[in-house]
């Protein structure tokens, strides 16, 4: 999706924050990612700060403000393996990009 958006003239960055309890999967997951994978820590508490759940998406604008929150358990699919989920996430990103 990043390459697709970049080819369309949009500057986007993706990253993932691995849950503290999932630290043992960090190496396996980072080998599959083409974007930065960060490890949450007790000191940082990123998941707690965001009240995050597995597979949630947070979209920030260029000023670092949270512009959209797409919960995994939300009404619309965010499963990137499905056409509906992929389209929903992409359209949410485009809405933030075009609002800037």
N, C-alpha and C. Protein backbone atom coordinates (compact mmCIF):
# COMPACT_ATOMS: atom_id res chain seq x y z
N UNK A 1 0.83 -1.18 0.00
CA UNK A 1 0.00 0.00 0.00
C UNK A 1 0.88 1.25 0.00
N UNK A 2 1.97 1.21 0.79
CA UNK A 2 2.86 2.38 0.83
C UNK A 2 3.40 2.69 -0.56
N UNK A 3 3.83 1.67 -1.28
CA UNK A 3 4.36 1.88 -2.63
C UNK A 3 3.28 2.42 -3.57
N UNK A 4 2.09 1.91 -3.43
CA UNK A 4 0.96 2.36 -4.24
C UNK A 4 0.65 3.84 -3.96
N UNK A 5 0.62 4.22 -2.70
CA UNK A 5 0.35 5.61 -2.34
C UNK A 5 1.49 6.53 -2.75
N UNK A 6 2.72 6.07 -2.58
CA UNK A 6 3.88 6.87 -2.99
C UNK A 6 3.87 7.09 -4.50
N UNK A 7 3.55 6.05 -5.27
CA UNK A 7 3.48 6.17 -6.72
C UNK A 7 2.40 7.16 -7.15
N UNK A 8 1.41 7.35 -6.30
CA UNK A 8 0.33 8.31 -6.58
C UNK A 8 0.67 9.71 -6.10
N UNK A 9 1.90 9.89 -5.61
CA UNK A 9 2.34 11.21 -5.18
C UNK A 9 2.11 11.54 -3.72
N UNK A 10 1.78 10.55 -2.91
CA UNK A 10 1.53 10.77 -1.49
C UNK A 10 2.73 10.31 -0.68
N UNK A 11 3.15 11.14 0.26
CA UNK A 11 4.26 10.80 1.14
C UNK A 11 3.67 10.18 2.41
N UNK A 12 3.93 8.89 2.61
CA UNK A 12 3.39 8.17 3.76
C UNK A 12 4.48 7.34 4.41
N UNK A 13 4.32 7.13 5.70
CA UNK A 13 5.24 6.30 6.47
C UNK A 13 4.42 5.34 7.31
N UNK A 14 4.87 4.12 7.39
CA UNK A 14 4.21 3.11 8.20
C UNK A 14 5.17 2.62 9.26
N UNK A 15 4.64 2.25 10.41
CA UNK A 15 5.43 1.57 11.42
C UNK A 15 4.47 0.77 12.27
N UNK A 16 5.03 -0.18 12.98
CA UNK A 16 4.23 -1.03 13.85
C UNK A 16 4.87 -1.06 15.22
N UNK A 17 4.04 -1.12 16.24
CA UNK A 17 4.54 -1.23 17.61
C UNK A 17 4.12 -2.59 18.15
N UNK A 18 5.11 -3.42 18.44
CA UNK A 18 4.88 -4.76 18.95
C UNK A 18 4.52 -4.70 20.42
N UNK A 19 3.50 -5.45 20.81
CA UNK A 19 3.05 -5.48 22.20
C UNK A 19 4.12 -6.08 23.11
N UNK A 20 4.19 -5.60 24.34
CA UNK A 20 5.18 -6.08 25.30
C UNK A 20 5.11 -7.60 25.43
N UNK A 21 3.94 -8.14 25.59
CA UNK A 21 3.78 -9.59 25.78
C UNK A 21 4.15 -10.39 24.54
N UNK A 22 4.32 -9.73 23.41
CA UNK A 22 4.64 -10.42 22.16
C UNK A 22 6.10 -10.23 21.77
N UNK A 23 6.92 -9.84 22.73
CA UNK A 23 8.33 -9.55 22.44
C UNK A 23 9.05 -10.73 21.79
N UNK A 24 8.66 -11.94 22.13
CA UNK A 24 9.33 -13.12 21.58
C UNK A 24 9.09 -13.28 20.08
N UNK A 25 8.08 -12.61 19.54
CA UNK A 25 7.78 -12.71 18.10
C UNK A 25 8.45 -11.60 17.30
N UNK A 26 9.16 -10.70 17.95
CA UNK A 26 9.76 -9.54 17.30
C UNK A 26 10.64 -9.93 16.11
N UNK A 27 11.55 -10.88 16.28
CA UNK A 27 12.46 -11.25 15.20
C UNK A 27 11.72 -11.84 14.01
N UNK A 28 10.78 -12.73 14.28
CA UNK A 28 10.01 -13.36 13.20
C UNK A 28 9.21 -12.31 12.44
N UNK A 29 8.58 -11.40 13.16
CA UNK A 29 7.76 -10.37 12.55
C UNK A 29 8.61 -9.37 11.78
N UNK A 30 9.71 -8.93 12.34
CA UNK A 30 10.54 -7.94 11.67
C UNK A 30 11.14 -8.48 10.37
N UNK A 31 11.33 -9.79 10.27
CA UNK A 31 11.84 -10.39 9.04
C UNK A 31 10.81 -10.29 7.91
N UNK A 32 9.54 -10.12 8.25
CA UNK A 32 8.47 -10.04 7.26
C UNK A 32 8.05 -8.61 6.94
N UNK A 33 8.50 -7.65 7.72
CA UNK A 33 8.06 -6.26 7.57
C UNK A 33 8.99 -5.48 6.65
N UNK A 34 8.39 -4.64 5.83
CA UNK A 34 9.16 -3.73 4.99
C UNK A 34 9.14 -2.32 5.59
N UNK A 35 8.69 -2.22 6.83
CA UNK A 35 8.60 -0.93 7.53
C UNK A 35 9.12 -1.14 8.94
N UNK A 36 9.42 -0.06 9.66
CA UNK A 36 9.97 -0.21 11.02
C UNK A 36 9.00 -0.93 11.96
N UNK A 37 9.55 -1.82 12.75
CA UNK A 37 8.80 -2.53 13.78
C UNK A 37 9.45 -2.18 15.11
N UNK A 38 8.72 -1.46 15.94
CA UNK A 38 9.23 -1.02 17.23
C UNK A 38 8.70 -1.94 18.33
N UNK A 39 9.48 -2.09 19.38
CA UNK A 39 9.07 -2.92 20.50
C UNK A 39 8.63 -2.03 21.65
N UNK A 40 7.39 -2.18 22.08
CA UNK A 40 6.90 -1.45 23.24
C UNK A 40 7.62 -1.96 24.49
N UNK A 41 7.74 -1.09 25.47
CA UNK A 41 8.39 -1.44 26.74
C UNK A 41 7.51 -0.97 27.89
N UNK A 42 7.77 -1.49 29.06
CA UNK A 42 7.03 -1.07 30.25
C UNK A 42 7.23 0.44 30.46
N UNK A 43 8.46 0.91 30.25
CA UNK A 43 8.77 2.33 30.45
C UNK A 43 7.99 3.23 29.49
N UNK A 44 7.88 2.82 28.23
CA UNK A 44 7.19 3.64 27.23
C UNK A 44 5.67 3.47 27.31
N UNK A 45 5.20 2.25 27.43
CA UNK A 45 3.77 1.99 27.56
C UNK A 45 2.92 2.50 26.41
N UNK A 46 3.42 2.35 25.18
CA UNK A 46 2.72 2.88 24.01
C UNK A 46 1.33 2.29 23.86
N UNK A 47 1.21 0.98 24.03
CA UNK A 47 -0.11 0.36 23.88
C UNK A 47 -1.08 0.90 24.92
N UNK A 48 -0.61 1.09 26.15
CA UNK A 48 -1.48 1.65 27.20
C UNK A 48 -1.87 3.08 26.89
N UNK A 49 -0.92 3.88 26.42
CA UNK A 49 -1.21 5.28 26.09
C UNK A 49 -2.28 5.39 25.01
N UNK A 50 -2.25 4.47 24.09
CA UNK A 50 -3.20 4.49 22.98
C UNK A 50 -4.44 3.64 23.24
N UNK A 51 -4.44 2.94 24.37
CA UNK A 51 -5.52 2.00 24.65
C UNK A 51 -5.67 1.05 23.46
N UNK A 52 -4.51 0.62 22.95
CA UNK A 52 -4.47 -0.16 21.72
C UNK A 52 -4.81 -1.62 21.89
N UNK A 53 -5.22 -2.19 20.79
CA UNK A 53 -5.48 -3.61 20.69
C UNK A 53 -4.76 -4.14 19.46
N UNK A 54 -4.60 -5.44 19.41
CA UNK A 54 -3.91 -6.06 18.29
C UNK A 54 -4.57 -5.66 16.98
N UNK A 55 -3.75 -5.24 16.04
CA UNK A 55 -4.15 -4.91 14.67
C UNK A 55 -4.92 -3.61 14.51
N UNK A 56 -4.99 -2.77 15.55
CA UNK A 56 -5.61 -1.45 15.39
C UNK A 56 -4.70 -0.59 14.52
N UNK A 57 -5.29 0.37 13.81
CA UNK A 57 -4.54 1.33 13.02
C UNK A 57 -4.77 2.73 13.59
N UNK A 58 -3.69 3.47 13.70
CA UNK A 58 -3.74 4.88 14.11
C UNK A 58 -3.12 5.67 12.97
N UNK A 59 -3.84 6.63 12.46
CA UNK A 59 -3.35 7.44 11.35
C UNK A 59 -3.10 8.85 11.87
N UNK A 60 -1.87 9.29 11.70
CA UNK A 60 -1.48 10.62 12.16
C UNK A 60 -1.28 11.54 10.96
N UNK A 61 -1.60 12.81 11.14
CA UNK A 61 -1.37 13.77 10.07
C UNK A 61 0.10 14.22 10.10
N UNK A 62 0.46 15.06 9.17
CA UNK A 62 1.87 15.46 9.06
C UNK A 62 2.37 16.25 10.27
N UNK A 63 1.45 16.78 11.08
CA UNK A 63 1.84 17.51 12.29
C UNK A 63 1.94 16.60 13.52
N UNK A 64 1.69 15.31 13.33
CA UNK A 64 1.78 14.36 14.43
C UNK A 64 0.51 14.25 15.25
N UNK A 65 -0.60 14.78 14.74
CA UNK A 65 -1.88 14.68 15.44
C UNK A 65 -2.63 13.43 14.98
N UNK A 66 -3.26 12.75 15.92
CA UNK A 66 -4.06 11.59 15.57
C UNK A 66 -5.24 12.07 14.72
N UNK A 67 -5.30 11.59 13.49
CA UNK A 67 -6.35 12.03 12.56
C UNK A 67 -7.44 10.98 12.37
N UNK A 68 -7.10 9.71 12.58
CA UNK A 68 -8.09 8.64 12.42
C UNK A 68 -7.67 7.44 13.24
N UNK A 69 -8.63 6.79 13.82
CA UNK A 69 -8.41 5.56 14.57
C UNK A 69 -9.28 4.47 13.96
N UNK A 70 -8.65 3.39 13.55
CA UNK A 70 -9.37 2.27 12.94
C UNK A 70 -9.19 1.05 13.82
N UNK A 71 -10.15 0.78 14.69
CA UNK A 71 -10.02 -0.37 15.58
C UNK A 71 -10.26 -1.68 14.84
N UNK A 72 -9.51 -2.69 15.21
CA UNK A 72 -9.67 -4.00 14.60
C UNK A 72 -11.08 -4.53 14.79
N UNK A 73 -11.68 -4.22 15.93
CA UNK A 73 -13.03 -4.70 16.23
C UNK A 73 -14.10 -3.70 15.80
N UNK A 74 -13.75 -2.78 14.90
CA UNK A 74 -14.70 -1.77 14.46
C UNK A 74 -15.72 -2.30 13.48
N UNK A 75 -16.63 -1.42 13.07
CA UNK A 75 -17.70 -1.80 12.16
C UNK A 75 -17.19 -2.14 10.77
N UNK A 76 -16.12 -1.47 10.34
CA UNK A 76 -15.55 -1.71 9.01
C UNK A 76 -14.29 -2.55 9.12
N UNK A 77 -14.12 -3.46 8.21
CA UNK A 77 -12.95 -4.33 8.21
C UNK A 77 -11.67 -3.53 7.96
N UNK A 78 -10.61 -3.90 8.66
CA UNK A 78 -9.29 -3.34 8.39
C UNK A 78 -8.30 -4.47 8.08
N UNK A 79 -8.84 -5.63 7.75
CA UNK A 79 -8.01 -6.78 7.40
C UNK A 79 -7.43 -6.54 6.02
N UNK A 80 -6.14 -6.27 5.97
CA UNK A 80 -5.48 -5.94 4.71
C UNK A 80 -5.44 -7.10 3.73
N UNK A 81 -5.76 -8.29 4.19
CA UNK A 81 -5.78 -9.47 3.32
C UNK A 81 -7.09 -9.57 2.53
N UNK A 82 -8.04 -8.69 2.84
CA UNK A 82 -9.31 -8.69 2.11
C UNK A 82 -9.43 -7.40 1.31
N UNK A 83 -10.16 -7.45 0.23
CA UNK A 83 -10.35 -6.26 -0.59
C UNK A 83 -11.05 -5.16 0.20
N UNK A 84 -12.08 -5.54 0.97
CA UNK A 84 -12.83 -4.54 1.73
C UNK A 84 -11.95 -3.88 2.80
N UNK A 85 -11.17 -4.66 3.51
CA UNK A 85 -10.30 -4.11 4.54
C UNK A 85 -9.21 -3.24 3.97
N UNK A 86 -8.59 -3.70 2.90
CA UNK A 86 -7.53 -2.95 2.24
C UNK A 86 -8.07 -1.60 1.74
N UNK A 87 -9.23 -1.64 1.11
CA UNK A 87 -9.84 -0.42 0.57
C UNK A 87 -10.20 0.54 1.69
N UNK A 88 -10.73 0.01 2.79
CA UNK A 88 -11.11 0.88 3.92
C UNK A 88 -9.89 1.59 4.51
N UNK A 89 -8.81 0.85 4.75
CA UNK A 89 -7.60 1.46 5.30
C UNK A 89 -7.02 2.47 4.32
N UNK A 90 -6.93 2.10 3.06
CA UNK A 90 -6.38 3.00 2.05
C UNK A 90 -7.21 4.28 1.94
N UNK A 91 -8.53 4.15 1.90
CA UNK A 91 -9.39 5.33 1.80
C UNK A 91 -9.30 6.20 3.05
N UNK A 92 -9.09 5.59 4.20
CA UNK A 92 -8.92 6.35 5.45
C UNK A 92 -7.61 7.14 5.40
N UNK A 93 -6.57 6.52 4.89
CA UNK A 93 -5.29 7.22 4.73
C UNK A 93 -5.44 8.37 3.74
N UNK A 94 -6.09 8.10 2.61
CA UNK A 94 -6.27 9.15 1.60
C UNK A 94 -7.09 10.32 2.14
N UNK A 95 -8.09 10.04 2.96
CA UNK A 95 -8.91 11.11 3.53
C UNK A 95 -8.06 12.03 4.39
N UNK A 96 -7.13 11.45 5.17
CA UNK A 96 -6.24 12.27 6.00
C UNK A 96 -5.27 13.03 5.12
N UNK A 97 -4.69 12.38 4.13
CA UNK A 97 -3.73 13.03 3.24
C UNK A 97 -4.37 14.18 2.48
N UNK A 98 -5.57 13.98 2.01
CA UNK A 98 -6.25 15.01 1.21
C UNK A 98 -6.79 16.15 2.06
N UNK A 99 -6.94 15.94 3.36
CA UNK A 99 -7.42 17.00 4.26
C UNK A 99 -6.30 17.98 4.61
N UNK A 100 -5.06 17.59 4.34
CA UNK A 100 -3.93 18.43 4.73
C UNK A 100 -3.69 19.55 3.75
